[in-house]
N, C-alpha and C. Protein backbone atom coordinates (compact mmCIF):
# COMPACT_ATOMS: atom_id res chain seq x y z
N MET A 1 0.82 -1.19 0.00
CA MET A 1 0.00 0.00 0.00
C MET A 1 0.87 1.27 0.00
N ALA A 2 1.96 1.26 0.76
CA ALA A 2 2.84 2.43 0.79
C ALA A 2 3.43 2.70 -0.59
N ILE A 3 3.86 1.64 -1.27
CA ILE A 3 4.45 1.79 -2.61
C ILE A 3 3.44 2.43 -3.56
N PHE A 4 2.23 1.92 -3.54
CA PHE A 4 1.17 2.45 -4.40
C PHE A 4 0.97 3.94 -4.14
N ASN A 5 0.87 4.31 -2.86
CA ASN A 5 0.63 5.71 -2.51
C ASN A 5 1.82 6.59 -2.86
N LEU A 6 3.03 6.10 -2.67
CA LEU A 6 4.21 6.89 -3.04
C LEU A 6 4.27 7.13 -4.54
N LYS A 7 4.00 6.10 -5.31
CA LYS A 7 4.00 6.26 -6.77
C LYS A 7 2.90 7.22 -7.21
N ARG A 8 1.76 7.12 -6.57
CA ARG A 8 0.64 8.00 -6.89
C ARG A 8 0.98 9.47 -6.61
N LEU A 9 1.83 9.67 -5.60
CA LEU A 9 2.27 11.02 -5.26
C LEU A 9 3.44 11.49 -6.13
N GLY A 10 3.90 10.62 -7.05
CA GLY A 10 4.95 10.99 -7.99
C GLY A 10 6.36 10.64 -7.54
N HIS A 11 6.49 9.80 -6.53
CA HIS A 11 7.81 9.43 -6.03
C HIS A 11 8.31 8.14 -6.68
N LYS A 12 9.62 8.04 -6.84
CA LYS A 12 10.24 6.80 -7.29
C LYS A 12 10.42 5.91 -6.07
N THR A 13 10.26 4.61 -6.26
CA THR A 13 10.35 3.70 -5.12
C THR A 13 11.30 2.54 -5.40
N ASP A 14 11.73 1.93 -4.33
CA ASP A 14 12.57 0.74 -4.38
C ASP A 14 12.16 -0.11 -3.17
N ILE A 15 12.27 -1.41 -3.29
CA ILE A 15 11.84 -2.31 -2.22
C ILE A 15 13.01 -3.18 -1.78
N ALA A 16 13.13 -3.34 -0.47
CA ALA A 16 14.08 -4.30 0.11
C ALA A 16 13.25 -5.34 0.85
N GLU A 17 13.49 -6.59 0.54
CA GLU A 17 12.69 -7.68 1.11
C GLU A 17 12.96 -7.90 2.60
N ASN A 18 14.10 -7.44 3.08
CA ASN A 18 14.42 -7.57 4.50
C ASN A 18 15.42 -6.49 4.89
N GLY A 19 15.71 -6.40 6.18
CA GLY A 19 16.60 -5.36 6.67
C GLY A 19 18.02 -5.46 6.15
N LYS A 20 18.50 -6.67 5.97
CA LYS A 20 19.86 -6.86 5.46
C LYS A 20 19.98 -6.29 4.05
N ILE A 21 18.99 -6.56 3.22
CA ILE A 21 18.99 -6.03 1.85
C ILE A 21 18.84 -4.51 1.87
N ALA A 22 18.06 -3.98 2.80
CA ALA A 22 17.90 -2.52 2.92
C ALA A 22 19.25 -1.86 3.18
N VAL A 23 20.04 -2.44 4.08
CA VAL A 23 21.36 -1.89 4.39
C VAL A 23 22.27 -1.99 3.17
N GLU A 24 22.24 -3.12 2.49
CA GLU A 24 23.07 -3.30 1.28
C GLU A 24 22.70 -2.28 0.21
N LYS A 25 21.40 -2.07 0.00
CA LYS A 25 20.97 -1.10 -1.02
C LYS A 25 21.40 0.31 -0.63
N PHE A 26 21.30 0.63 0.65
CA PHE A 26 21.72 1.95 1.12
C PHE A 26 23.19 2.21 0.82
N GLN A 27 24.01 1.18 0.94
CA GLN A 27 25.44 1.33 0.69
C GLN A 27 25.76 1.53 -0.79
N LYS A 28 24.88 1.09 -1.67
CA LYS A 28 25.15 1.14 -3.10
C LYS A 28 24.49 2.31 -3.83
N LYS A 29 23.45 2.88 -3.25
CA LYS A 29 22.66 3.87 -3.98
C LYS A 29 22.22 4.99 -3.04
N HIS A 30 22.09 6.19 -3.59
CA HIS A 30 21.59 7.32 -2.81
C HIS A 30 20.06 7.28 -2.76
N TYR A 31 19.52 7.46 -1.59
CA TYR A 31 18.07 7.56 -1.40
C TYR A 31 17.79 8.85 -0.65
N ASP A 32 16.65 9.45 -0.92
CA ASP A 32 16.24 10.66 -0.22
C ASP A 32 15.56 10.34 1.11
N LEU A 33 14.95 9.16 1.17
CA LEU A 33 14.14 8.80 2.34
C LEU A 33 14.03 7.28 2.40
N ILE A 34 13.97 6.75 3.61
CA ILE A 34 13.71 5.33 3.78
C ILE A 34 12.47 5.16 4.64
N LEU A 35 11.50 4.43 4.13
CA LEU A 35 10.37 3.98 4.93
C LEU A 35 10.76 2.59 5.42
N MET A 36 11.03 2.46 6.70
CA MET A 36 11.58 1.24 7.26
C MET A 36 10.52 0.47 8.04
N ASP A 37 10.16 -0.69 7.52
CA ASP A 37 9.24 -1.56 8.25
C ASP A 37 9.97 -2.07 9.49
N ILE A 38 9.32 -2.03 10.62
CA ILE A 38 9.95 -2.46 11.86
C ILE A 38 10.11 -3.97 11.90
N GLN A 39 9.10 -4.69 11.46
CA GLN A 39 9.14 -6.15 11.51
C GLN A 39 9.48 -6.72 10.14
N MET A 40 10.76 -7.06 9.99
CA MET A 40 11.23 -7.67 8.74
C MET A 40 12.07 -8.89 9.09
N PRO A 41 12.12 -9.84 8.17
CA PRO A 41 12.97 -11.02 8.42
C PRO A 41 14.46 -10.68 8.31
N GLU A 42 15.26 -11.53 8.85
CA GLU A 42 16.72 -11.50 8.75
C GLU A 42 17.35 -10.37 9.57
N LEU A 43 16.86 -9.16 9.44
CA LEU A 43 17.35 -8.01 10.20
C LEU A 43 16.17 -7.06 10.32
N ASP A 44 15.70 -6.83 11.56
CA ASP A 44 14.51 -6.00 11.70
C ASP A 44 14.83 -4.52 11.43
N GLY A 45 13.79 -3.72 11.37
CA GLY A 45 13.96 -2.31 11.03
C GLY A 45 14.82 -1.52 11.99
N MET A 46 14.75 -1.87 13.28
CA MET A 46 15.56 -1.17 14.28
C MET A 46 17.05 -1.46 14.06
N GLU A 47 17.38 -2.72 13.83
CA GLU A 47 18.78 -3.09 13.61
C GLU A 47 19.30 -2.54 12.28
N ALA A 48 18.45 -2.58 11.26
CA ALA A 48 18.85 -2.03 9.96
C ALA A 48 19.13 -0.53 10.09
N THR A 49 18.29 0.17 10.83
CA THR A 49 18.51 1.61 11.05
C THR A 49 19.82 1.84 11.78
N LYS A 50 20.08 1.04 12.80
CA LYS A 50 21.33 1.17 13.55
C LYS A 50 22.54 1.01 12.63
N LYS A 51 22.49 0.02 11.75
CA LYS A 51 23.60 -0.22 10.82
C LYS A 51 23.76 0.95 9.84
N ILE A 52 22.64 1.45 9.34
CA ILE A 52 22.69 2.59 8.41
C ILE A 52 23.30 3.81 9.10
N ARG A 53 22.90 4.07 10.33
CA ARG A 53 23.47 5.22 11.07
C ARG A 53 24.97 5.03 11.31
N GLU A 54 25.39 3.80 11.58
CA GLU A 54 26.82 3.52 11.75
C GLU A 54 27.59 3.78 10.46
N ILE A 55 27.02 3.36 9.34
CA ILE A 55 27.64 3.58 8.03
C ILE A 55 27.78 5.09 7.78
N GLU A 56 26.72 5.84 8.09
CA GLU A 56 26.76 7.29 7.89
C GLU A 56 27.87 7.93 8.73
N LYS A 57 28.01 7.50 9.97
CA LYS A 57 29.04 8.07 10.85
C LYS A 57 30.45 7.79 10.33
N LYS A 58 30.65 6.61 9.76
CA LYS A 58 31.97 6.22 9.26
C LYS A 58 32.29 6.82 7.89
N SER A 59 31.27 7.30 7.20
CA SER A 59 31.45 7.82 5.85
C SER A 59 32.33 9.07 5.85
N LYS A 60 33.20 9.13 4.89
CA LYS A 60 34.07 10.30 4.73
C LYS A 60 33.32 11.44 4.04
N ILE A 61 32.21 11.12 3.41
CA ILE A 61 31.40 12.13 2.74
C ILE A 61 30.46 12.73 3.79
N LYS A 62 30.62 14.00 4.07
CA LYS A 62 29.79 14.66 5.07
C LYS A 62 28.53 15.20 4.40
N LYS A 63 27.43 14.64 4.78
CA LYS A 63 26.14 15.11 4.27
C LYS A 63 25.11 14.87 5.36
N ASN A 64 23.94 15.42 5.16
CA ASN A 64 22.87 15.21 6.13
C ASN A 64 22.49 13.74 6.18
N PRO A 65 22.21 13.22 7.38
CA PRO A 65 21.77 11.83 7.46
C PRO A 65 20.46 11.63 6.71
N ILE A 66 20.30 10.44 6.16
CA ILE A 66 19.06 10.13 5.46
C ILE A 66 17.90 10.10 6.45
N SER A 67 16.74 10.56 6.02
CA SER A 67 15.55 10.47 6.87
C SER A 67 15.03 9.05 6.83
N ILE A 68 14.84 8.48 8.02
CA ILE A 68 14.30 7.12 8.13
C ILE A 68 13.00 7.20 8.92
N ILE A 69 11.94 6.74 8.28
CA ILE A 69 10.61 6.74 8.88
C ILE A 69 10.22 5.30 9.20
N ALA A 70 9.92 5.05 10.46
CA ALA A 70 9.48 3.72 10.88
C ALA A 70 8.04 3.49 10.43
N MET A 71 7.78 2.30 9.93
CA MET A 71 6.40 1.88 9.63
C MET A 71 6.11 0.68 10.52
N THR A 72 5.04 0.78 11.28
CA THR A 72 4.71 -0.32 12.18
C THR A 72 3.21 -0.51 12.31
N ALA A 73 2.83 -1.75 12.50
CA ALA A 73 1.42 -2.07 12.75
C ALA A 73 1.16 -2.05 14.26
N ASN A 74 2.21 -2.06 15.05
CA ASN A 74 2.09 -2.12 16.50
C ASN A 74 2.37 -0.75 17.11
N ALA A 75 1.44 0.17 16.94
CA ALA A 75 1.64 1.52 17.47
C ALA A 75 1.18 1.56 18.92
N LEU A 76 2.13 1.46 19.82
CA LEU A 76 1.83 1.49 21.24
C LEU A 76 2.35 2.79 21.84
N LYS A 77 1.84 3.11 23.02
CA LYS A 77 2.30 4.31 23.70
C LYS A 77 3.81 4.19 23.93
N GLY A 78 4.53 5.23 23.61
CA GLY A 78 5.97 5.23 23.79
C GLY A 78 6.76 4.75 22.58
N ASP A 79 6.06 4.24 21.56
CA ASP A 79 6.77 3.75 20.37
C ASP A 79 7.53 4.86 19.66
N LYS A 80 6.89 6.01 19.49
CA LYS A 80 7.56 7.09 18.76
C LYS A 80 8.88 7.46 19.44
N GLU A 81 8.85 7.60 20.76
CA GLU A 81 10.06 7.94 21.50
C GLU A 81 11.12 6.85 21.32
N ASN A 82 10.69 5.59 21.34
CA ASN A 82 11.61 4.47 21.15
C ASN A 82 12.25 4.52 19.76
N PHE A 83 11.43 4.75 18.73
CA PHE A 83 11.96 4.82 17.37
C PHE A 83 12.95 5.97 17.22
N LEU A 84 12.60 7.13 17.78
CA LEU A 84 13.49 8.29 17.69
C LEU A 84 14.82 8.01 18.41
N SER A 85 14.75 7.33 19.54
CA SER A 85 15.98 7.02 20.29
C SER A 85 16.86 6.02 19.55
N LYS A 86 16.30 5.27 18.63
CA LYS A 86 17.05 4.27 17.86
C LYS A 86 17.59 4.84 16.55
N GLY A 87 17.38 6.15 16.31
CA GLY A 87 17.95 6.77 15.13
C GLY A 87 16.97 7.05 14.01
N MET A 88 15.70 6.75 14.23
CA MET A 88 14.70 7.05 13.21
C MET A 88 14.23 8.49 13.38
N ASP A 89 13.71 9.06 12.32
CA ASP A 89 13.30 10.46 12.36
C ASP A 89 11.83 10.66 12.68
N ASP A 90 11.02 9.67 12.39
CA ASP A 90 9.58 9.75 12.66
C ASP A 90 9.00 8.38 12.45
N TYR A 91 7.69 8.27 12.61
CA TYR A 91 7.04 6.99 12.32
C TYR A 91 5.62 7.21 11.84
N ILE A 92 5.14 6.18 11.16
CA ILE A 92 3.76 6.16 10.70
C ILE A 92 3.19 4.78 11.02
N SER A 93 1.98 4.78 11.52
CA SER A 93 1.35 3.53 11.95
C SER A 93 0.52 2.95 10.81
N LYS A 94 0.71 1.63 10.58
CA LYS A 94 -0.06 0.93 9.54
C LYS A 94 -1.33 0.37 10.16
N PRO A 95 -2.41 0.35 9.45
CA PRO A 95 -2.60 0.94 8.11
C PRO A 95 -2.74 2.46 8.24
N PHE A 96 -2.31 3.15 7.22
CA PHE A 96 -2.41 4.60 7.23
C PHE A 96 -3.16 5.06 5.99
N LYS A 97 -3.71 6.25 6.10
CA LYS A 97 -4.43 6.85 4.97
C LYS A 97 -3.42 7.56 4.07
N PRO A 98 -3.70 7.62 2.76
CA PRO A 98 -2.79 8.30 1.84
C PRO A 98 -2.44 9.73 2.29
N LYS A 99 -3.42 10.45 2.84
CA LYS A 99 -3.16 11.82 3.29
C LYS A 99 -2.17 11.84 4.45
N GLU A 100 -2.22 10.85 5.33
CA GLU A 100 -1.26 10.80 6.44
C GLU A 100 0.17 10.66 5.91
N LEU A 101 0.34 9.81 4.92
CA LEU A 101 1.66 9.62 4.31
C LEU A 101 2.10 10.90 3.61
N ALA A 102 1.21 11.51 2.85
CA ALA A 102 1.54 12.75 2.14
C ALA A 102 1.92 13.86 3.12
N ASP A 103 1.18 13.98 4.21
CA ASP A 103 1.49 15.00 5.22
C ASP A 103 2.85 14.75 5.86
N LEU A 104 3.15 13.50 6.16
CA LEU A 104 4.45 13.16 6.75
C LEU A 104 5.59 13.47 5.79
N LEU A 105 5.41 13.13 4.52
CA LEU A 105 6.44 13.42 3.51
C LEU A 105 6.66 14.92 3.36
N ASN A 106 5.57 15.69 3.40
CA ASN A 106 5.69 17.16 3.32
C ASN A 106 6.45 17.71 4.52
N GLU A 107 6.17 17.16 5.70
CA GLU A 107 6.86 17.60 6.91
C GLU A 107 8.36 17.29 6.83
N ILE A 108 8.69 16.09 6.37
CA ILE A 108 10.10 15.70 6.22
C ILE A 108 10.78 16.60 5.19
N SER A 109 10.09 16.87 4.08
CA SER A 109 10.65 17.74 3.03
C SER A 109 10.97 19.13 3.58
N LYS A 110 10.08 19.67 4.38
CA LYS A 110 10.31 21.00 4.97
C LYS A 110 11.54 20.98 5.86
N LYS A 111 11.70 19.93 6.66
CA LYS A 111 12.87 19.81 7.54
C LYS A 111 14.15 19.74 6.71
N LEU A 112 14.11 18.99 5.62
CA LEU A 112 15.30 18.86 4.77
C LEU A 112 15.68 20.20 4.15
N ILE A 113 14.68 20.94 3.70
CA ILE A 113 14.93 22.25 3.10
C ILE A 113 15.54 23.20 4.13
N LEU A 114 15.02 23.18 5.35
CA LEU A 114 15.54 24.06 6.40
C LEU A 114 16.97 23.69 6.80
N ASN A 115 17.31 22.41 6.72
CA ASN A 115 18.65 21.96 7.12
C ASN A 115 19.70 22.16 6.03
N ASN A 116 19.28 22.45 4.81
CA ASN A 116 20.24 22.63 3.71
C ASN A 116 20.47 24.05 3.41
């Protein structure tokens, strides 16, 4: 559903079947944003985010960190704080409405513009 909505909003998309592949793709290609599913096989979203943040810190190329948005079906009290403490920038709870995703993307875009 997220892919469909992103394409409908005019964004290019890429899919990683698990967290390990997400980290590998991040190392090979530039992305503007990562929507990170929390529950993935092989390497969950929290661990994948941790690895991506470690790669960014070790990188000799100084640039703004990539925005990582957690996607989770288990939205419990305190989850947002937990995701932020693990290096994610925000989160969206599944299932979500297309407008919720569009609003979140607009908010992230504004932050990126202000930081550049």
